[in-house]
């Protein structure tokens, strides 16, 4: 049942398809997705890492301000604490944690919400 005047959004999921992480801690980010649940953890699911064993990451708003814990992650699904607000747009920010000399590449997915 929908309540009149209430907005309902489905969870959005972004794809990371051989997403490049340049060398020397260069910061790169994804496209923006809309968060549907205030303060819900965000999720990054890494299925493949090339030229890196871990990745630094956090969630940022459209002003580039951090809206989650700064976390180092490896392969697998990771739920990361977030204080983002529903109905606002966010991007996932990544840095190559390992390499000062070569680019790394990640494959997987991410979402500003965990459900």
N, C-alpha and C. Protein backbone atom coordinates (compact mmCIF):
# COMPACT_ATOMS: atom_id res chain seq x y z
N UNK A 1 0.84 -1.17 0.00
CA UNK A 1 0.00 0.00 0.00
C UNK A 1 0.89 1.23 0.00
N UNK A 2 0.57 2.17 -0.87
CA UNK A 2 1.30 3.43 -0.92
C UNK A 2 0.54 4.50 -0.18
N UNK A 3 1.26 5.32 0.53
CA UNK A 3 0.67 6.45 1.24
C UNK A 3 0.77 7.66 0.32
N UNK A 4 -0.33 8.40 0.10
CA UNK A 4 -0.29 9.57 -0.77
C UNK A 4 0.81 10.53 -0.34
N UNK A 5 1.56 11.02 -1.33
CA UNK A 5 2.63 11.98 -1.07
C UNK A 5 3.95 11.35 -0.66
N UNK A 6 3.98 10.02 -0.55
CA UNK A 6 5.20 9.33 -0.15
C UNK A 6 5.94 8.83 -1.38
N UNK A 7 7.24 9.09 -1.46
CA UNK A 7 8.06 8.61 -2.56
C UNK A 7 8.64 7.25 -2.21
N UNK A 8 8.68 6.36 -3.20
CA UNK A 8 9.25 5.04 -3.01
C UNK A 8 10.30 4.82 -4.09
N UNK A 9 11.51 4.45 -3.67
CA UNK A 9 12.58 4.20 -4.61
C UNK A 9 13.11 2.79 -4.41
N UNK A 10 13.45 2.13 -5.50
CA UNK A 10 14.09 0.83 -5.42
C UNK A 10 15.58 1.03 -5.22
N UNK A 11 16.21 0.07 -4.61
CA UNK A 11 17.66 0.12 -4.42
C UNK A 11 18.35 0.17 -5.78
N UNK A 12 19.30 1.07 -5.93
CA UNK A 12 20.06 1.18 -7.17
C UNK A 12 21.41 0.48 -7.01
N UNK A 13 21.85 -0.19 -8.08
CA UNK A 13 23.12 -0.91 -8.06
C UNK A 13 23.95 -0.47 -9.25
N UNK A 14 25.20 -0.09 -8.98
CA UNK A 14 26.13 0.31 -10.02
C UNK A 14 27.11 -0.81 -10.33
N UNK A 15 27.57 -0.86 -11.57
CA UNK A 15 28.50 -1.89 -12.02
C UNK A 15 29.92 -1.33 -12.07
N UNK A 16 30.86 -2.16 -11.64
CA UNK A 16 32.29 -1.85 -11.75
C UNK A 16 32.87 -2.88 -12.71
N UNK A 17 33.05 -2.51 -13.97
CA UNK A 17 33.50 -3.44 -14.98
C UNK A 17 34.92 -3.07 -15.40
N UNK A 18 35.90 -3.77 -14.87
CA UNK A 18 37.31 -3.48 -15.09
C UNK A 18 37.54 -1.98 -14.87
N UNK A 19 37.11 -1.51 -13.73
CA UNK A 19 37.17 -0.10 -13.33
C UNK A 19 38.62 0.23 -12.94
N UNK A 20 39.22 1.21 -13.62
CA UNK A 20 40.65 1.52 -13.41
C UNK A 20 40.89 2.33 -12.15
N UNK A 21 41.87 1.88 -11.37
CA UNK A 21 42.36 2.62 -10.21
C UNK A 21 43.79 3.03 -10.52
N UNK A 22 44.01 4.30 -10.92
CA UNK A 22 45.35 4.73 -11.30
C UNK A 22 46.36 4.58 -10.15
N UNK A 23 47.62 4.61 -10.51
CA UNK A 23 48.70 4.46 -9.53
C UNK A 23 48.78 5.65 -8.59
N UNK A 24 49.53 5.46 -7.53
CA UNK A 24 49.90 6.52 -6.59
C UNK A 24 48.72 7.18 -5.91
N UNK A 25 47.78 6.42 -5.42
CA UNK A 25 46.67 6.93 -4.62
C UNK A 25 45.81 7.98 -5.32
N UNK A 26 45.74 7.93 -6.63
CA UNK A 26 44.84 8.82 -7.36
C UNK A 26 43.40 8.46 -7.02
N UNK A 27 42.59 9.46 -6.73
CA UNK A 27 41.19 9.24 -6.36
C UNK A 27 40.33 9.19 -7.62
N UNK A 28 39.51 8.14 -7.74
CA UNK A 28 38.55 8.02 -8.84
C UNK A 28 37.19 7.70 -8.25
N UNK A 29 36.14 8.05 -9.00
CA UNK A 29 34.80 7.79 -8.48
C UNK A 29 33.88 7.29 -9.57
N UNK A 30 32.79 6.69 -9.14
CA UNK A 30 31.78 6.14 -10.03
C UNK A 30 30.79 7.23 -10.44
N UNK A 31 29.80 6.82 -11.20
CA UNK A 31 28.66 7.67 -11.48
C UNK A 31 27.82 7.78 -10.19
N UNK A 32 26.87 8.69 -10.18
CA UNK A 32 26.02 8.89 -9.01
C UNK A 32 24.82 7.95 -9.02
N UNK A 33 24.44 7.48 -7.83
CA UNK A 33 23.22 6.72 -7.63
C UNK A 33 22.44 7.36 -6.49
N UNK A 34 21.12 7.18 -6.49
CA UNK A 34 20.27 7.76 -5.46
C UNK A 34 20.12 6.80 -4.28
N UNK A 35 20.34 7.31 -3.10
CA UNK A 35 20.20 6.52 -1.87
C UNK A 35 18.72 6.45 -1.50
N UNK A 36 18.24 5.28 -1.10
CA UNK A 36 16.81 5.15 -0.78
C UNK A 36 16.53 5.03 0.72
N UNK A 37 17.55 4.73 1.54
CA UNK A 37 17.33 4.54 2.98
C UNK A 37 18.32 5.39 3.77
N UNK A 38 17.83 6.34 4.55
CA UNK A 38 18.70 7.19 5.37
C UNK A 38 19.52 6.34 6.35
N UNK A 39 20.80 6.65 6.41
CA UNK A 39 21.76 6.02 7.33
C UNK A 39 21.99 4.52 7.11
N UNK A 40 21.44 3.94 6.05
CA UNK A 40 21.70 2.52 5.77
C UNK A 40 23.14 2.36 5.31
N UNK A 41 23.78 1.24 5.66
CA UNK A 41 25.13 1.00 5.16
C UNK A 41 25.14 0.96 3.63
N UNK A 42 26.25 1.35 3.04
CA UNK A 42 26.39 1.18 1.60
C UNK A 42 27.19 -0.10 1.36
N UNK A 43 27.15 -0.60 0.13
CA UNK A 43 27.73 -1.91 -0.18
C UNK A 43 28.68 -1.80 -1.36
N UNK A 44 29.84 -2.44 -1.22
CA UNK A 44 30.72 -2.67 -2.37
C UNK A 44 30.99 -4.17 -2.42
N UNK A 45 30.81 -4.74 -3.61
CA UNK A 45 31.00 -6.18 -3.82
C UNK A 45 32.07 -6.36 -4.89
N UNK A 46 33.27 -6.72 -4.48
CA UNK A 46 34.38 -6.87 -5.43
C UNK A 46 34.56 -8.34 -5.78
N UNK A 47 34.43 -8.65 -7.08
CA UNK A 47 34.54 -10.03 -7.54
C UNK A 47 35.89 -10.32 -8.18
N UNK A 48 36.63 -9.26 -8.56
CA UNK A 48 37.95 -9.46 -9.17
C UNK A 48 38.81 -8.24 -8.90
N UNK A 49 40.08 -8.49 -8.54
CA UNK A 49 41.07 -7.43 -8.35
C UNK A 49 42.28 -7.76 -9.23
N UNK A 50 42.69 -6.82 -10.07
CA UNK A 50 43.88 -7.00 -10.90
C UNK A 50 44.90 -5.92 -10.53
N UNK A 51 46.14 -6.33 -10.27
CA UNK A 51 47.24 -5.43 -9.90
C UNK A 51 47.00 -4.69 -8.60
N UNK A 52 46.14 -5.22 -7.75
CA UNK A 52 45.95 -4.66 -6.41
C UNK A 52 45.33 -5.75 -5.54
N UNK A 53 45.66 -5.73 -4.25
CA UNK A 53 45.08 -6.74 -3.35
C UNK A 53 44.01 -6.14 -2.46
N UNK A 54 43.98 -4.80 -2.40
CA UNK A 54 42.96 -4.12 -1.61
C UNK A 54 42.73 -2.72 -2.17
N UNK A 55 41.60 -2.14 -1.76
CA UNK A 55 41.14 -0.86 -2.30
C UNK A 55 40.69 0.02 -1.14
N UNK A 56 41.08 1.29 -1.16
CA UNK A 56 40.55 2.27 -0.20
C UNK A 56 39.25 2.80 -0.78
N UNK A 57 38.23 2.96 0.04
CA UNK A 57 36.94 3.41 -0.49
C UNK A 57 36.11 4.15 0.55
N UNK A 58 35.22 4.99 0.05
CA UNK A 58 34.21 5.65 0.88
C UNK A 58 33.10 6.15 -0.03
N UNK A 59 31.98 6.53 0.56
CA UNK A 59 30.83 7.09 -0.15
C UNK A 59 30.89 8.61 -0.04
N UNK A 60 30.62 9.32 -1.14
CA UNK A 60 30.67 10.78 -1.13
C UNK A 60 29.39 11.36 -1.74
N UNK A 61 29.00 12.52 -1.26
CA UNK A 61 27.82 13.20 -1.80
C UNK A 61 28.20 14.01 -3.04
N UNK A 62 27.25 14.74 -3.60
CA UNK A 62 27.50 15.48 -4.84
C UNK A 62 28.45 16.66 -4.65
N UNK A 63 28.73 17.03 -3.41
CA UNK A 63 29.73 18.07 -3.12
C UNK A 63 31.10 17.46 -2.85
N UNK A 64 31.22 16.15 -2.96
CA UNK A 64 32.48 15.46 -2.72
C UNK A 64 32.77 15.21 -1.25
N UNK A 65 31.80 15.49 -0.38
CA UNK A 65 31.99 15.30 1.07
C UNK A 65 31.75 13.84 1.44
N UNK A 66 32.62 13.31 2.27
CA UNK A 66 32.53 11.92 2.70
C UNK A 66 31.27 11.70 3.53
N UNK A 67 30.53 10.62 3.21
CA UNK A 67 29.31 10.27 3.92
C UNK A 67 29.32 8.82 4.39
N UNK A 68 30.52 8.28 4.59
CA UNK A 68 30.66 6.93 5.14
C UNK A 68 32.03 6.81 5.78
N UNK A 69 32.23 5.68 6.47
CA UNK A 69 33.56 5.38 6.98
C UNK A 69 34.52 5.24 5.81
N UNK A 70 35.78 5.60 6.04
CA UNK A 70 36.87 5.36 5.09
C UNK A 70 37.37 3.95 5.38
N UNK A 71 37.33 3.08 4.38
CA UNK A 71 37.57 1.66 4.62
C UNK A 71 38.50 1.07 3.57
N UNK A 72 39.30 0.10 3.97
CA UNK A 72 40.12 -0.68 3.04
C UNK A 72 39.44 -2.04 2.88
N UNK A 73 39.15 -2.41 1.62
CA UNK A 73 38.44 -3.67 1.35
C UNK A 73 39.20 -4.51 0.33
N UNK A 74 38.96 -5.82 0.38
CA UNK A 74 39.48 -6.77 -0.60
C UNK A 74 38.32 -7.44 -1.31
N UNK A 75 38.56 -8.62 -1.83
CA UNK A 75 37.49 -9.36 -2.51
C UNK A 75 36.33 -9.64 -1.56
N UNK A 76 35.13 -9.68 -2.13
CA UNK A 76 33.94 -10.03 -1.36
C UNK A 76 32.97 -8.88 -1.23
N UNK A 77 31.91 -9.15 -0.46
CA UNK A 77 30.85 -8.17 -0.23
C UNK A 77 31.11 -7.48 1.10
N UNK A 78 31.08 -6.14 1.08
CA UNK A 78 31.37 -5.35 2.27
C UNK A 78 30.26 -4.33 2.49
N UNK A 79 29.66 -4.35 3.68
CA UNK A 79 28.70 -3.32 4.08
C UNK A 79 29.45 -2.30 4.93
N UNK A 80 29.36 -1.03 4.55
CA UNK A 80 30.15 0.03 5.18
C UNK A 80 29.21 1.07 5.78
N UNK A 81 29.46 1.42 7.03
CA UNK A 81 28.62 2.39 7.74
C UNK A 81 28.52 3.70 6.95
N UNK A 82 27.30 4.21 6.84
CA UNK A 82 27.03 5.44 6.09
C UNK A 82 26.05 6.32 6.85
N UNK A 83 26.22 7.62 6.71
CA UNK A 83 25.28 8.58 7.28
C UNK A 83 24.66 9.44 6.18
N UNK A 84 24.52 8.85 4.99
CA UNK A 84 23.86 9.52 3.87
C UNK A 84 22.35 9.56 4.04
N UNK A 85 21.74 10.53 3.39
CA UNK A 85 20.30 10.74 3.49
C UNK A 85 19.57 10.18 2.26
N UNK A 86 18.39 9.64 2.47
CA UNK A 86 17.57 9.12 1.37
C UNK A 86 17.22 10.24 0.40
N UNK A 87 17.06 9.88 -0.86
CA UNK A 87 16.67 10.77 -1.95
C UNK A 87 17.76 11.75 -2.38
N UNK A 88 19.00 11.54 -1.92
CA UNK A 88 20.14 12.33 -2.39
C UNK A 88 21.06 11.42 -3.20
N UNK A 89 21.90 12.02 -4.05
CA UNK A 89 22.79 11.23 -4.89
C UNK A 89 24.17 11.10 -4.25
N UNK A 90 24.77 9.92 -4.47
CA UNK A 90 26.08 9.60 -3.91
C UNK A 90 26.90 8.84 -4.94
N UNK A 91 28.22 8.92 -4.78
CA UNK A 91 29.14 8.17 -5.63
C UNK A 91 30.08 7.37 -4.74
N UNK A 92 30.59 6.27 -5.27
CA UNK A 92 31.61 5.49 -4.58
C UNK A 92 32.96 6.03 -5.01
N UNK A 93 33.84 6.26 -4.05
CA UNK A 93 35.18 6.78 -4.31
C UNK A 93 36.18 5.65 -4.02
N UNK A 94 37.14 5.47 -4.93
CA UNK A 94 38.12 4.39 -4.80
C UNK A 94 39.54 4.90 -5.00
N UNK A 95 40.49 4.23 -4.34
CA UNK A 95 41.92 4.46 -4.54
C UNK A 95 42.64 3.12 -4.50
N UNK A 96 43.67 2.98 -5.32
CA UNK A 96 44.49 1.78 -5.33
C UNK A 96 45.34 1.79 -4.05
N UNK A 97 45.10 0.87 -3.16
CA UNK A 97 45.78 0.84 -1.86
C UNK A 97 47.23 0.38 -1.96
N UNK A 98 47.55 -0.41 -3.00
CA UNK A 98 48.85 -1.07 -3.06
C UNK A 98 49.91 -0.37 -3.90
N UNK A 99 49.57 -0.01 -5.11
CA UNK A 99 50.61 0.28 -6.09
C UNK A 99 50.91 1.76 -6.26
N UNK A 100 52.19 2.06 -6.19
CA UNK A 100 52.65 3.41 -6.51
C UNK A 100 53.06 3.51 -7.97
N UNK A 101 53.21 2.36 -8.65
CA UNK A 101 53.80 2.37 -9.99
C UNK A 101 52.89 1.89 -11.10
N UNK A 102 51.87 1.09 -10.81
CA UNK A 102 50.99 0.59 -11.88
C UNK A 102 49.52 0.76 -11.48
N UNK A 103 48.68 0.85 -12.48
CA UNK A 103 47.24 0.94 -12.24
C UNK A 103 46.70 -0.41 -11.79
N UNK A 104 45.65 -0.38 -10.99
CA UNK A 104 44.91 -1.57 -10.62
C UNK A 104 43.54 -1.52 -11.27
N UNK A 105 42.86 -2.65 -11.30
CA UNK A 105 41.53 -2.73 -11.90
C UNK A 105 40.62 -3.55 -11.00
N UNK A 106 39.39 -3.08 -10.83
CA UNK A 106 38.43 -3.82 -10.01
C UNK A 106 37.18 -4.14 -10.83
N UNK A 107 36.57 -5.26 -10.51
CA UNK A 107 35.32 -5.68 -11.12
C UNK A 107 34.36 -6.05 -9.99
N UNK A 108 33.11 -5.67 -10.15
CA UNK A 108 32.11 -5.98 -9.14
C UNK A 108 30.93 -5.04 -9.24
N UNK A 109 30.38 -4.67 -8.08
CA UNK A 109 29.23 -3.77 -8.05
C UNK A 109 29.24 -2.97 -6.76
N UNK A 110 28.37 -1.96 -6.71
CA UNK A 110 28.24 -1.15 -5.50
C UNK A 110 26.83 -0.60 -5.43
N UNK A 111 26.40 -0.23 -4.24
CA UNK A 111 25.09 0.37 -4.04
C UNK A 111 25.14 1.30 -2.83
N UNK A 112 24.44 2.44 -2.90
CA UNK A 112 24.41 3.33 -1.74
C UNK A 112 23.56 2.78 -0.59
N UNK A 113 22.88 1.65 -0.81
CA UNK A 113 22.04 1.02 0.22
C UNK A 113 22.35 -0.47 0.30
N UNK A 114 22.13 -1.06 1.47
CA UNK A 114 22.38 -2.50 1.63
C UNK A 114 21.15 -3.37 1.41
N UNK A 115 20.00 -2.76 1.17
CA UNK A 115 18.78 -3.54 0.90
C UNK A 115 17.81 -2.72 0.09
